[in-house]
Amino acid sequence: MILDNQLIIEVLSFIQSFINTIFPIFFWGLIIYILSSWLPGLRESAFGQILGKIYEPILEPFRKIIPPLGGVLDLSPIIAIIVMQLFLSGLNAIFNTIITSLY
């Protein structure tokens, strides 16, 4: 059975909308996690531990590439945010290209 283009367009549009809805939530969670490093009590709380489990695996590869400057200033979150923004822009461009080609 071959799916008609309209169904494919609707599914792709839904996926794109879902990603574009989740990304800001993920982004602000990362910002909160970054700011929690200034408040050690927050980072050690249950909420901080949950954020750590979500964001540390994402930040770790960036820390391997760019270690903290002077052992204090960690630029990995900034690089991660830039990479995530570029990824989202590229993903949206791909979705838009596919959806446009199906019309």
PDB file of N, CA and C in Angstrom:
ATOM      1  N   MET A   1       0.833  -1.164   0.000  1.00  0.00           N
ATOM      2  CA  MET A   1       0.000   0.000   0.000  1.00  0.00           C
ATOM      3  C   MET A   1       0.892   1.247   0.000  1.00  0.00           C
ATOM      4  N   ILE A   2       0.630   2.140  -0.889  1.00  0.00           N
ATOM      5  CA  ILE A   2       1.404   3.365  -1.003  1.00  0.00           C
ATOM      6  C   ILE A   2       0.653   4.484  -0.279  1.00  0.00           C
ATOM      7  N   LEU A   3       1.360   5.164   0.617  1.00  0.00           N
ATOM      8  CA  LEU A   3       0.751   6.285   1.331  1.00  0.00           C
ATOM      9  C   LEU A   3       0.641   7.475   0.391  1.00  0.00           C
ATOM     10  N   ASP A   4      -0.460   8.173   0.465  1.00  0.00           N
ATOM     11  CA  ASP A   4      -0.568   9.352  -0.383  1.00  0.00           C
ATOM     12  C   ASP A   4       0.255  10.492   0.220  1.00  0.00           C
ATOM     13  N   ASN A   5       0.609  11.436  -0.626  1.00  0.00           N
ATOM     14  CA  ASN A   5       1.488  12.527  -0.217  1.00  0.00           C
ATOM     15  C   ASN A   5       0.914  13.352   0.925  1.00  0.00           C
ATOM     16  N   GLN A   6      -0.388  13.534   0.951  1.00  0.00           N
ATOM     17  CA  GLN A   6      -0.991  14.362   1.997  1.00  0.00           C
ATOM     18  C   GLN A   6      -0.765  13.756   3.382  1.00  0.00           C
ATOM     19  N   LEU A   7      -0.891  12.439   3.498  1.00  0.00           N
ATOM     20  CA  LEU A   7      -0.654  11.776   4.781  1.00  0.00           C
ATOM     21  C   LEU A   7       0.812  11.915   5.186  1.00  0.00           C
ATOM     22  N   ILE A   8       1.712  11.726   4.240  1.00  0.00           N
ATOM     23  CA  ILE A   8       3.142  11.864   4.527  1.00  0.00           C
ATOM     24  C   ILE A   8       3.448  13.288   4.982  1.00  0.00           C
ATOM     25  N   ILE A   9       2.865  14.264   4.302  1.00  0.00           N
ATOM     26  CA  ILE A   9       3.074  15.669   4.669  1.00  0.00           C
ATOM     27  C   ILE A   9       2.569  15.933   6.083  1.00  0.00           C
ATOM     28  N   GLU A  10       1.403  15.401   6.414  1.00  0.00           N
ATOM     29  CA  GLU A  10       0.844  15.606   7.751  1.00  0.00           C
ATOM     30  C   GLU A  10       1.712  14.963   8.828  1.00  0.00           C
ATOM     31  N   VAL A  11       2.209  13.761   8.564  1.00  0.00           N
ATOM     32  CA  VAL A  11       3.064  13.074   9.538  1.00  0.00           C
ATOM     33  C   VAL A  11       4.369  13.841   9.726  1.00  0.00           C
ATOM     34  N   LEU A  12       4.996  14.239   8.625  1.00  0.00           N
ATOM     35  CA  LEU A  12       6.247  14.991   8.717  1.00  0.00           C
ATOM     36  C   LEU A  12       6.037  16.340   9.403  1.00  0.00           C
ATOM     37  N   SER A  13       4.932  16.989   9.115  1.00  0.00           N
ATOM     38  CA  SER A  13       4.629  18.273   9.761  1.00  0.00           C
ATOM     39  C   SER A  13       4.426  18.091  11.259  1.00  0.00           C
ATOM     40  N   PHE A  14       3.764  16.995  11.644  1.00  0.00           N
ATOM     41  CA  PHE A  14       3.575  16.710  13.065  1.00  0.00           C
ATOM     42  C   PHE A  14       4.917  16.469  13.750  1.00  0.00           C
ATOM     43  N   ILE A  15       5.778  15.669  13.128  1.00  0.00           N
ATOM     44  CA  ILE A  15       7.097  15.390  13.709  1.00  0.00           C
ATOM     45  C   ILE A  15       7.894  16.683  13.851  1.00  0.00           C
ATOM     46  N   GLN A  16       7.859  17.515  12.815  1.00  0.00           N
ATOM     47  CA  GLN A  16       8.574  18.786  12.859  1.00  0.00           C
ATOM     48  C   GLN A  16       8.021  19.687  13.965  1.00  0.00           C
ATOM     49  N   SER A  17       6.721  19.757  14.087  1.00  0.00           N
ATOM     50  CA  SER A  17       6.107  20.574  15.144  1.00  0.00           C
ATOM     51  C   SER A  17       6.470  20.044  16.527  1.00  0.00           C
ATOM     52  N   PHE A  18       6.476  18.728  16.678  1.00  0.00           N
ATOM     53  CA  PHE A  18       6.836  18.113  17.954  1.00  0.00           C
ATOM     54  C   PHE A  18       8.274  18.469  18.334  1.00  0.00           C
ATOM     55  N   ILE A  19       9.191  18.328  17.381  1.00  0.00           N
ATOM     56  CA  ILE A  19      10.596  18.659  17.640  1.00  0.00           C
ATOM     57  C   ILE A  19      10.738  20.135  17.990  1.00  0.00           C
ATOM     58  N   ASN A  20      10.036  20.993  17.251  1.00  0.00           N
ATOM     59  CA  ASN A  20      10.118  22.434  17.506  1.00  0.00           C
ATOM     60  C   ASN A  20       9.449  22.835  18.818  1.00  0.00           C
ATOM     61  N   THR A  21       8.594  21.980  19.361  1.00  0.00           N
ATOM     62  CA  THR A  21       7.983  22.231  20.667  1.00  0.00           C
ATOM     63  C   THR A  21       8.888  21.739  21.793  1.00  0.00           C
ATOM     64  N   ILE A  22       9.503  20.582  21.597  1.00  0.00           N
ATOM     65  CA  ILE A  22      10.352  19.980  22.621  1.00  0.00           C
ATOM     66  C   ILE A  22      11.675  20.729  22.766  1.00  0.00           C
ATOM     67  N   PHE A  23      12.220  21.224  21.663  1.00  0.00           N
ATOM     68  CA  PHE A  23      13.539  21.853  21.710  1.00  0.00           C
ATOM     69  C   PHE A  23      13.623  23.019  22.696  1.00  0.00           C
ATOM     70  N   PRO A  24      12.674  23.957  22.699  1.00  0.00           N
ATOM     71  CA  PRO A  24      12.781  25.050  23.683  1.00  0.00           C
ATOM     72  C   PRO A  24      12.732  24.557  25.136  1.00  0.00           C
ATOM     73  N   ILE A  25      11.959  23.528  25.395  1.00  0.00           N
ATOM     74  CA  ILE A  25      11.906  22.958  26.744  1.00  0.00           C
ATOM     75  C   ILE A  25      13.279  22.396  27.110  1.00  0.00           C
ATOM     76  N   PHE A  26      13.870  21.663  26.174  1.00  0.00           N
ATOM     77  CA  PHE A  26      15.201  21.098  26.379  1.00  0.00           C
ATOM     78  C   PHE A  26      16.233  22.213  26.565  1.00  0.00           C
ATOM     79  N   PHE A  27      16.139  23.250  25.740  1.00  0.00           N
ATOM     80  CA  PHE A  27      17.058  24.387  25.795  1.00  0.00           C
ATOM     81  C   PHE A  27      16.991  25.076  27.159  1.00  0.00           C
ATOM     82  N   TRP A  28      15.789  25.381  27.640  1.00  0.00           N
ATOM     83  CA  TRP A  28      15.655  26.070  28.922  1.00  0.00           C
ATOM     84  C   TRP A  28      16.068  25.174  30.085  1.00  0.00           C
ATOM     85  N   GLY A  29      15.863  23.867  29.948  1.00  0.00           N
ATOM     86  CA  GLY A  29      16.364  22.945  30.967  1.00  0.00           C
ATOM     87  C   GLY A  29      17.880  23.001  31.054  1.00  0.00           C
ATOM     88  N   LEU A  30      18.533  23.099  29.897  1.00  0.00           N
ATOM     89  CA  LEU A  30      19.992  23.217  29.874  1.00  0.00           C
ATOM     90  C   LEU A  30      20.432  24.532  30.515  1.00  0.00           C
ATOM     91  N   ILE A  31      19.727  25.609  30.224  1.00  0.00           N
ATOM     92  CA  ILE A  31      20.055  26.900  30.837  1.00  0.00           C
ATOM     93  C   ILE A  31      19.922  26.812  32.362  1.00  0.00           C
ATOM     94  N   ILE A  32      18.852  26.195  32.837  1.00  0.00           N
ATOM     95  CA  ILE A  32      18.662  26.030  34.286  1.00  0.00           C
ATOM     96  C   ILE A  32      19.790  25.188  34.868  1.00  0.00           C
ATOM     97  N   TYR A  33      20.182  24.131  34.155  1.00  0.00           N
ATOM     98  CA  TYR A  33      21.273  23.282  34.635  1.00  0.00           C
ATOM     99  C   TYR A  33      22.584  24.066  34.705  1.00  0.00           C
ATOM    100  N   ILE A  34      22.832  24.894  33.704  1.00  0.00           N
ATOM    101  CA  ILE A  34      24.048  25.712  33.698  1.00  0.00           C
ATOM    102  C   ILE A  34      24.032  26.676  34.889  1.00  0.00           C
ATOM    103  N   LEU A  35      22.913  27.350  35.084  1.00  0.00           N
ATOM    104  CA  LEU A  35      22.815  28.314  36.187  1.00  0.00           C
ATOM    105  C   LEU A  35      22.876  27.634  37.551  1.00  0.00           C
ATOM    106  N   SER A  36      22.471  26.366  37.606  1.00  0.00           N
ATOM    107  CA  SER A  36      22.504  25.654  38.888  1.00  0.00           C
ATOM    108  C   SER A  36      23.935  25.424  39.370  1.00  0.00           C
ATOM    109  N   SER A  37      24.907  25.552  38.472  1.00  0.00           N
ATOM    110  CA  SER A  37      26.297  25.388  38.903  1.00  0.00           C
ATOM    111  C   SER A  37      26.724  26.536  39.813  1.00  0.00           C
ATOM    112  N   TRP A  38      26.015  27.654  39.762  1.00  0.00           N
ATOM    113  CA  TRP A  38      26.316  28.779  40.643  1.00  0.00           C
ATOM    114  C   TRP A  38      25.669  28.603  42.006  1.00  0.00           C
ATOM    115  N   LEU A  39      24.742  27.670  42.102  1.00  0.00           N
ATOM    116  CA  LEU A  39      24.044  27.399  43.358  1.00  0.00           C
ATOM    117  C   LEU A  39      24.248  25.922  43.716  1.00  0.00           C
ATOM    118  N   PRO A  40      25.326  25.610  44.416  1.00  0.00           N
ATOM    119  CA  PRO A  40      25.647  24.200  44.679  1.00  0.00           C
ATOM    120  C   PRO A  40      24.512  23.418  45.333  1.00  0.00           C
ATOM    121  N   GLY A  41      23.728  24.067  46.169  1.00  0.00           N
ATOM    122  CA  GLY A  41      22.612  23.375  46.814  1.00  0.00           C
ATOM    123  C   GLY A  41      21.591  22.884  45.808  1.00  0.00           C
ATOM    124  N   LEU A  42      21.369  23.673  44.766  1.00  0.00           N
ATOM    125  CA  LEU A  42      20.415  23.282  43.729  1.00  0.00           C
ATOM    126  C   LEU A  42      20.940  22.101  42.924  1.00  0.00           C
ATOM    127  N   ARG A  43      22.217  22.115  42.598  1.00  0.00           N
ATOM    128  CA  ARG A  43      22.792  21.042  41.805  1.00  0.00           C
ATOM    129  C   ARG A  43      22.781  19.719  42.569  1.00  0.00           C
ATOM    130  N   GLU A  44      22.861  19.793  43.896  1.00  0.00           N
ATOM    131  CA  GLU A  44      22.873  18.577  44.716  1.00  0.00           C
ATOM    132  C   GLU A  44      21.474  18.097  45.083  1.00  0.00           C
ATOM    133  N   SER A  45      20.456  18.895  44.790  1.00  0.00           N
ATOM    134  CA  SER A  45      19.078  18.498  45.101  1.00  0.00           C
ATOM    135  C   SER A  45      18.611  17.410  44.132  1.00  0.00           C
ATOM    136  N   ALA A  46      17.457  16.841  44.415  1.00  0.00           N
ATOM    137  CA  ALA A  46      16.903  15.802  43.533  1.00  0.00           C
ATOM    138  C   ALA A  46      16.661  16.357  42.133  1.00  0.00           C
ATOM    139  N   PHE A  47      16.168  17.588  42.058  1.00  0.00           N
ATOM    140  CA  PHE A  47      15.929  18.234  40.764  1.00  0.00           C
ATOM    141  C   PHE A  47      17.245  18.403  40.002  1.00  0.00           C
ATOM    142  N   GLY A  48      18.278  18.852  40.706  1.00  0.00           N
ATOM    143  CA  GLY A  48      19.592  19.020  40.084  1.00  0.00           C
ATOM    144  C   GLY A  48      20.179  17.696  39.618  1.00  0.00           C
ATOM    145  N   GLN A  49      19.935  16.643  40.384  1.00  0.00           N
ATOM    146  CA  GLN A  49      20.425  15.316  39.999  1.00  0.00           C
ATOM    147  C   GLN A  49      19.748  14.827  38.718  1.00  0.00           C
ATOM    148  N   ILE A  50      18.450  15.083  38.606  1.00  0.00           N
ATOM    149  CA  ILE A  50      17.720  14.691  37.393  1.00  0.00           C
ATOM    150  C   ILE A  50      18.257  15.455  36.195  1.00  0.00           C
ATOM    151  N   LEU A  51      18.444  16.769  36.359  1.00  0.00           N
ATOM    152  CA  LEU A  51      18.994  17.569  35.260  1.00  0.00           C
ATOM    153  C   LEU A  51      20.388  17.077  34.876  1.00  0.00           C
ATOM    154  N   GLY A  52      21.185  16.720  35.880  1.00  0.00           N
ATOM    155  CA  GLY A  52      22.524  16.198  35.615  1.00  0.00           C
ATOM    156  C   GLY A  52      22.496  14.922  34.791  1.00  0.00           C
ATOM    157  N   LYS A  53      21.559  14.039  35.097  1.00  0.00           N
ATOM    158  CA  LYS A  53      21.443  12.791  34.335  1.00  0.00           C
ATOM    159  C   LYS A  53      21.023  13.047  32.894  1.00  0.00           C
ATOM    160  N   ILE A  54      20.278  14.120  32.673  1.00  0.00           N
ATOM    161  CA  ILE A  54      19.835  14.445  31.317  1.00  0.00           C
ATOM    162  C   ILE A  54      20.939  15.146  30.538  1.00  0.00           C
ATOM    163  N   TYR A  55      21.581  16.140  31.155  1.00  0.00           N
ATOM    164  CA  TYR A  55      22.463  17.034  30.404  1.00  0.00           C
ATOM    165  C   TYR A  55      23.946  16.681  30.451  1.00  0.00           C
ATOM    166  N   GLU A  56      24.418  16.015  31.492  1.00  0.00           N
ATOM    167  CA  GLU A  56      25.840  15.671  31.547  1.00  0.00           C
ATOM    168  C   GLU A  56      26.285  14.784  30.378  1.00  0.00           C
ATOM    169  N   PRO A  57      25.503  13.763  29.987  1.00  0.00           N
ATOM    170  CA  PRO A  57      25.938  12.962  28.832  1.00  0.00           C
ATOM    171  C   PRO A  57      26.035  13.784  27.541  1.00  0.00           C
ATOM    172  N   ILE A  58      25.263  14.844  27.448  1.00  0.00           N
ATOM    173  CA  ILE A  58      25.310  15.695  26.262  1.00  0.00           C
ATOM    174  C   ILE A  58      26.517  16.627  26.325  1.00  0.00           C
ATOM    175  N   LEU A  59      26.828  17.135  27.499  1.00  0.00           N
ATOM    176  CA  LEU A  59      27.925  18.088  27.646  1.00  0.00           C
ATOM    177  C   LEU A  59      29.297  17.425  27.659  1.00  0.00           C
ATOM    178  N   GLU A  60      29.364  16.172  28.068  1.00  0.00           N
ATOM    179  CA  GLU A  60      30.651  15.487  28.212  1.00  0.00           C
ATOM    180  C   GLU A  60      31.483  15.466  26.925  1.00  0.00           C
ATOM    181  N   PRO A  61      30.916  15.125  25.764  1.00  0.00           N
ATOM    182  CA  PRO A  61      31.743  15.145  24.542  1.00  0.00           C
ATOM    183  C   PRO A  61      32.304  16.536  24.231  1.00  0.00           C
ATOM    184  N   PHE A  62      31.546  17.571  24.533  1.00  0.00           N
ATOM    185  CA  PHE A  62      32.029  18.932  24.296  1.00  0.00           C
ATOM    186  C   PHE A  62      33.155  19.282  25.264  1.00  0.00           C
ATOM    187  N   ARG A  63      33.084  18.765  26.483  1.00  0.00           N
ATOM    188  CA  ARG A  63      34.152  19.012  27.462  1.00  0.00           C
ATOM    189  C   ARG A  63      35.439  18.305  27.069  1.00  0.00           C
ATOM    190  N   LYS A  64      35.324  17.177  26.381  1.00  0.00           N
ATOM    191  CA  LYS A  64      36.521  16.484  25.914  1.00  0.00           C
ATOM    192  C   LYS A  64      37.221  17.288  24.826  1.00  0.00           C
ATOM    193  N   ILE A  65      36.434  17.969  24.002  1.00  0.00           N
ATOM    194  CA  ILE A  65      37.001  18.776  22.917  1.00  0.00           C
ATOM    195  C   ILE A  65      37.530  20.103  23.455  1.00  0.00           C
ATOM    196  N   ILE A  66      36.747  20.750  24.316  1.00  0.00           N
ATOM    197  CA  ILE A  66      37.115  22.054  24.870  1.00  0.00           C
ATOM    198  C   ILE A  66      37.098  21.944  26.392  1.00  0.00           C
ATOM    199  N   PRO A  67      38.252  21.687  26.993  1.00  0.00           N
ATOM    200  CA  PRO A  67      38.276  21.589  28.455  1.00  0.00           C
ATOM    201  C   PRO A  67      38.021  22.961  29.090  1.00  0.00           C
ATOM    202  N   PRO A  68      37.568  22.969  30.343  1.00  0.00           N
ATOM    203  CA  PRO A  68      37.329  24.248  31.023  1.00  0.00           C
ATOM    204  C   PRO A  68      38.592  25.118  31.035  1.00  0.00           C
ATOM    205  N   LEU A  69      38.416  26.392  30.733  1.00  0.00           N
ATOM    206  CA  LEU A  69      39.539  27.329  30.712  1.00  0.00           C
ATOM    207  C   LEU A  69      39.967  27.643  32.137  1.00  0.00           C
ATOM    208  N   GLY A  70      41.235  27.448  32.399  1.00  0.00           N
ATOM    209  CA  GLY A  70      41.740  27.701  33.746  1.00  0.00           C
ATOM    210  C   GLY A  70      41.152  26.762  34.780  1.00  0.00           C
ATOM    211  N   GLY A  71      40.524  25.692  34.314  1.00  0.00           N
ATOM    212  CA  GLY A  71      39.893  24.748  35.220  1.00  0.00           C
ATOM    213  C   GLY A  71      38.605  25.260  35.837  1.00  0.00           C
ATOM    214  N   VAL A  72      38.178  26.467  35.423  1.00  0.00           N
ATOM    215  CA  VAL A  72      37.005  27.083  36.046  1.00  0.00           C
ATOM    216  C   VAL A  72      35.916  27.401  35.031  1.00  0.00           C
ATOM    217  N   LEU A  73      36.271  28.060  33.939  1.00  0.00           N
ATOM    218  CA  LEU A  73      35.292  28.541  32.966  1.00  0.00           C
ATOM    219  C   LEU A  73      34.985  27.446  31.946  1.00  0.00           C
ATOM    220  N   ASP A  74      33.805  26.880  32.047  1.00  0.00           N
ATOM    221  CA  ASP A  74      33.382  25.783  31.171  1.00  0.00           C
ATOM    222  C   ASP A  74      32.578  26.351  30.002  1.00  0.00           C
ATOM    223  N   LEU A  75      33.150  26.279  28.810  1.00  0.00           N
ATOM    224  CA  LEU A  75      32.483  26.787  27.610  1.00  0.00           C
ATOM    225  C   LEU A  75      31.653  25.723  26.897  1.00  0.00           C
ATOM    226  N   SER A  76      31.700  24.496  27.376  1.00  0.00           N
ATOM    227  CA  SER A  76      30.993  23.411  26.692  1.00  0.00           C
ATOM    228  C   SER A  76      29.491  23.660  26.556  1.00  0.00           C
ATOM    229  N   PRO A  77      28.806  24.244  27.543  1.00  0.00           N
ATOM    230  CA  PRO A  77      27.373  24.499  27.346  1.00  0.00           C
ATOM    231  C   PRO A  77      27.096  25.484  26.207  1.00  0.00           C
ATOM    232  N   ILE A  78      27.956  26.484  26.058  1.00  0.00           N
ATOM    233  CA  ILE A  78      27.762  27.456  24.978  1.00  0.00           C
ATOM    234  C   ILE A  78      27.927  26.773  23.628  1.00  0.00           C
ATOM    235  N   ILE A  79      28.959  25.956  23.505  1.00  0.00           N
ATOM    236  CA  ILE A  79      29.194  25.225  22.256  1.00  0.00           C
ATOM    237  C   ILE A  79      28.048  24.252  22.005  1.00  0.00           C
ATOM    238  N   ALA A  80      27.582  23.581  23.054  1.00  0.00           N
ATOM    239  CA  ALA A  80      26.462  22.641  22.905  1.00  0.00           C
ATOM    240  C   ALA A  80      25.208  23.360  22.422  1.00  0.00           C
ATOM    241  N   ILE A  81      24.941  24.544  22.958  1.00  0.00           N
ATOM    242  CA  ILE A  81      23.759  25.307  22.534  1.00  0.00           C
ATOM    243  C   ILE A  81      23.884  25.707  21.071  1.00  0.00           C
ATOM    244  N   ILE A  82      25.072  26.159  20.666  1.00  0.00           N
ATOM    245  CA  ILE A  82      25.283  26.538  19.260  1.00  0.00           C
ATOM    246  C   ILE A  82      25.081  25.337  18.347  1.00  0.00           C
ATOM    247  N   VAL A  83      25.657  24.198  18.719  1.00  0.00           N
ATOM    248  CA  VAL A  83      25.516  22.984  17.905  1.00  0.00           C
ATOM    249  C   VAL A  83      24.054  22.546  17.846  1.00  0.00           C
ATOM    250  N   MET A  84      23.345  22.609  18.969  1.00  0.00           N
ATOM    251  CA  MET A  84      21.929  22.216  18.975  1.00  0.00           C
ATOM    252  C   MET A  84      21.095  23.150  18.103  1.00  0.00           C
ATOM    253  N   GLN A  85      21.393  24.448  18.134  1.00  0.00           N
ATOM    254  CA  GLN A  85      20.663  25.400  17.290  1.00  0.00           C
ATOM    255  C   GLN A  85      20.922  25.109  15.811  1.00  0.00           C
ATOM    256  N   LEU A  86      22.190  24.845  15.465  1.00  0.00           N
ATOM    257  CA  LEU A  86      22.519  24.511  14.078  1.00  0.00           C
ATOM    258  C   LEU A  86      21.838  23.215  13.653  1.00  0.00           C
ATOM    259  N   PHE A  87      21.822  22.234  14.555  1.00  0.00           N
ATOM    260  CA  PHE A  87      21.158  20.963  14.266  1.00  0.00           C
ATOM    261  C   PHE A  87      19.672  21.172  14.022  1.00  0.00           C
ATOM    262  N   LEU A  88      19.033  21.974  14.869  1.00  0.00           N
ATOM    263  CA  LEU A  88      17.605  22.235  14.712  1.00  0.00           C
ATOM    264  C   LEU A  88      17.329  22.968  13.404  1.00  0.00           C
ATOM    265  N   SER A  89      18.158  23.938  13.069  1.00  0.00           N
ATOM    266  CA  SER A  89      17.981  24.670  11.809  1.00  0.00           C
ATOM    267  C   SER A  89      18.132  23.734  10.614  1.00  0.00           C
ATOM    268  N   GLY A  90      19.145  22.876  10.663  1.00  0.00           N
ATOM    269  CA  GLY A  90      19.347  21.915   9.582  1.00  0.00           C
ATOM    270  C   GLY A  90      18.200  20.929   9.473  1.00  0.00           C
ATOM    271  N   LEU A  91      17.727  20.461  10.609  1.00  0.00           N
ATOM    272  CA  LEU A  91      16.607  19.522  10.618  1.00  0.00           C
ATOM    273  C   LEU A  91      15.351  20.165  10.045  1.00  0.00           C
ATOM    274  N   ASN A  92      15.091  21.411  10.424  1.00  0.00           N
ATOM    275  CA  ASN A  92      13.936  22.121   9.871  1.00  0.00           C
ATOM    276  C   ASN A  92      14.078  22.321   8.368  1.00  0.00           C
ATOM    277  N   ALA A  93      15.285  22.620   7.904  1.00  0.00           N
ATOM    278  CA  ALA A  93      15.509  22.788   6.464  1.00  0.00           C
ATOM    279  C   ALA A  93      15.240  21.483   5.721  1.00  0.00           C
ATOM    280  N   ILE A  94      15.677  20.370   6.301  1.00  0.00           N
ATOM    281  CA  ILE A  94      15.434  19.063   5.675  1.00  0.00           C
ATOM    282  C   ILE A  94      13.936  18.771   5.626  1.00  0.00           C
ATOM    283  N   PHE A  95      13.254  18.959   6.759  1.00  0.00           N
ATOM    284  CA  PHE A  95      11.802  18.736   6.779  1.00  0.00           C
ATOM    285  C   PHE A  95      11.098  19.616   5.758  1.00  0.00           C
ATOM    286  N   ASN A  96      11.454  20.899   5.720  1.00  0.00           N
ATOM    287  CA  ASN A  96      10.802  21.815   4.783  1.00  0.00           C
ATOM    288  C   ASN A  96      11.062  21.423   3.335  1.00  0.00           C
ATOM    289  N   THR A  97      12.271  20.971   3.032  1.00  0.00           N
ATOM    290  CA  THR A  97      12.596  20.538   1.673  1.00  0.00           C
ATOM    291  C   THR A  97      11.773  19.319   1.282  1.00  0.00           C
ATOM    292  N   ILE A  98      11.691  18.350   2.177  1.00  0.00           N
ATOM    293  CA  ILE A  98      10.919  17.135   1.886  1.00  0.00           C
ATOM    294  C   ILE A  98       9.443  17.467   1.722  1.00  0.00           C
ATOM    295  N   ILE A  99       8.911  18.260   2.644  1.00  0.00           N
ATOM    296  CA  ILE A  99       7.485  18.602   2.584  1.00  0.00           C
ATOM    297  C   ILE A  99       7.177  19.383   1.315  1.00  0.00           C
ATOM    298  N   THR A 100       8.032  20.337   0.961  1.00  0.00           N
ATOM    299  CA  THR A 100       7.817  21.130  -0.250  1.00  0.00           C
ATOM    300  C   THR A 100       7.872  20.260  -1.498  1.00  0.00           C
ATOM    301  N   SER A 101       8.779  19.290  -1.506  1.00  0.00           N
ATOM    302  CA  SER A 101       8.904  18.426  -2.692  1.00  0.00           C
ATOM    303  C   SER A 101       7.705  17.497  -2.859  1.00  0.00           C
ATOM    304  N   LEU A 102       6.952  17.271  -1.789  1.00  0.00           N
ATOM    305  CA  LEU A 102       5.797  16.378  -1.867  1.00  0.00           C
ATOM    306  C   LEU A 102       4.533  17.077  -2.358  1.00  0.00           C
ATOM    307  N   TYR A 103       4.555  18.399  -2.409  1.00  0.00           N
ATOM    308  CA  TYR A 103       3.368  19.117  -2.893  1.00  0.00           C
ATOM    309  C   TYR A 103       3.229  18.992  -4.379  1.00  0.00           C
TER     310      TYR A 103
END
